Amino acid sequence: MIPDRVLKLLNNQINAEFYSAYLYLSMSNYYESINLRGFAKWMRIQAKEEMGHAIKIYDYVIARGGKVNLMKIEKPPQEWNSPLHAFEEAYAHEVRVTKMINNIYTAAMEEKDYATASMLKWFIDEQVEEEASTNEIVQRIKIAGEERLFLIDRELGSRKGGD
């Protein structure tokens, strides 16, 4: 049985993961609107990953006999000041998600819910990757500058997954 405090945090995380998918779909749409289709593809694949994260937690809650509480998903922003700004926001979002995962892990340990703590180790490792990949792209955009975005766009368009 998942302690109530941990269950509430897990349900909040399911909502946050679905919001992440919405956010990345919105960013994909933004990049499509400015003809950066590689950036758009990268964000679309990222959105699918986030949906998978939500379902992973959803399935875990069900397997442990908990009740999933699906909540309203907040509307994400629709526009950004620049391609760089959108990726900076993606990075900042991943940092916030990492803090949320860490808070759940802390609560699970305090509640002696070792099964949840064990499950969360996958998410902790995943967040290291998520932060690193979004930050790397932010830094590359800064180095390349606006006039060479097409080079990064071509590379991001080659990302595999999500199909």
Foldseek 3Di string as FASTA:
>chain_A
DQPPVLLVLLLVLLLLLLLQLLLLQLLLVQCVVVPLNLSSVLSNQVSLVSNVVSVLSVVVCVVVVHDRDHDDRDHYDNYDPDNLRSLVVQLVSLVVSLVSLVVSLVVCVVVVVVVSNVVSVVVNVVSVVSNVVSVVVSVVCVVCDPVRVNVVSVVSNPDDGDD
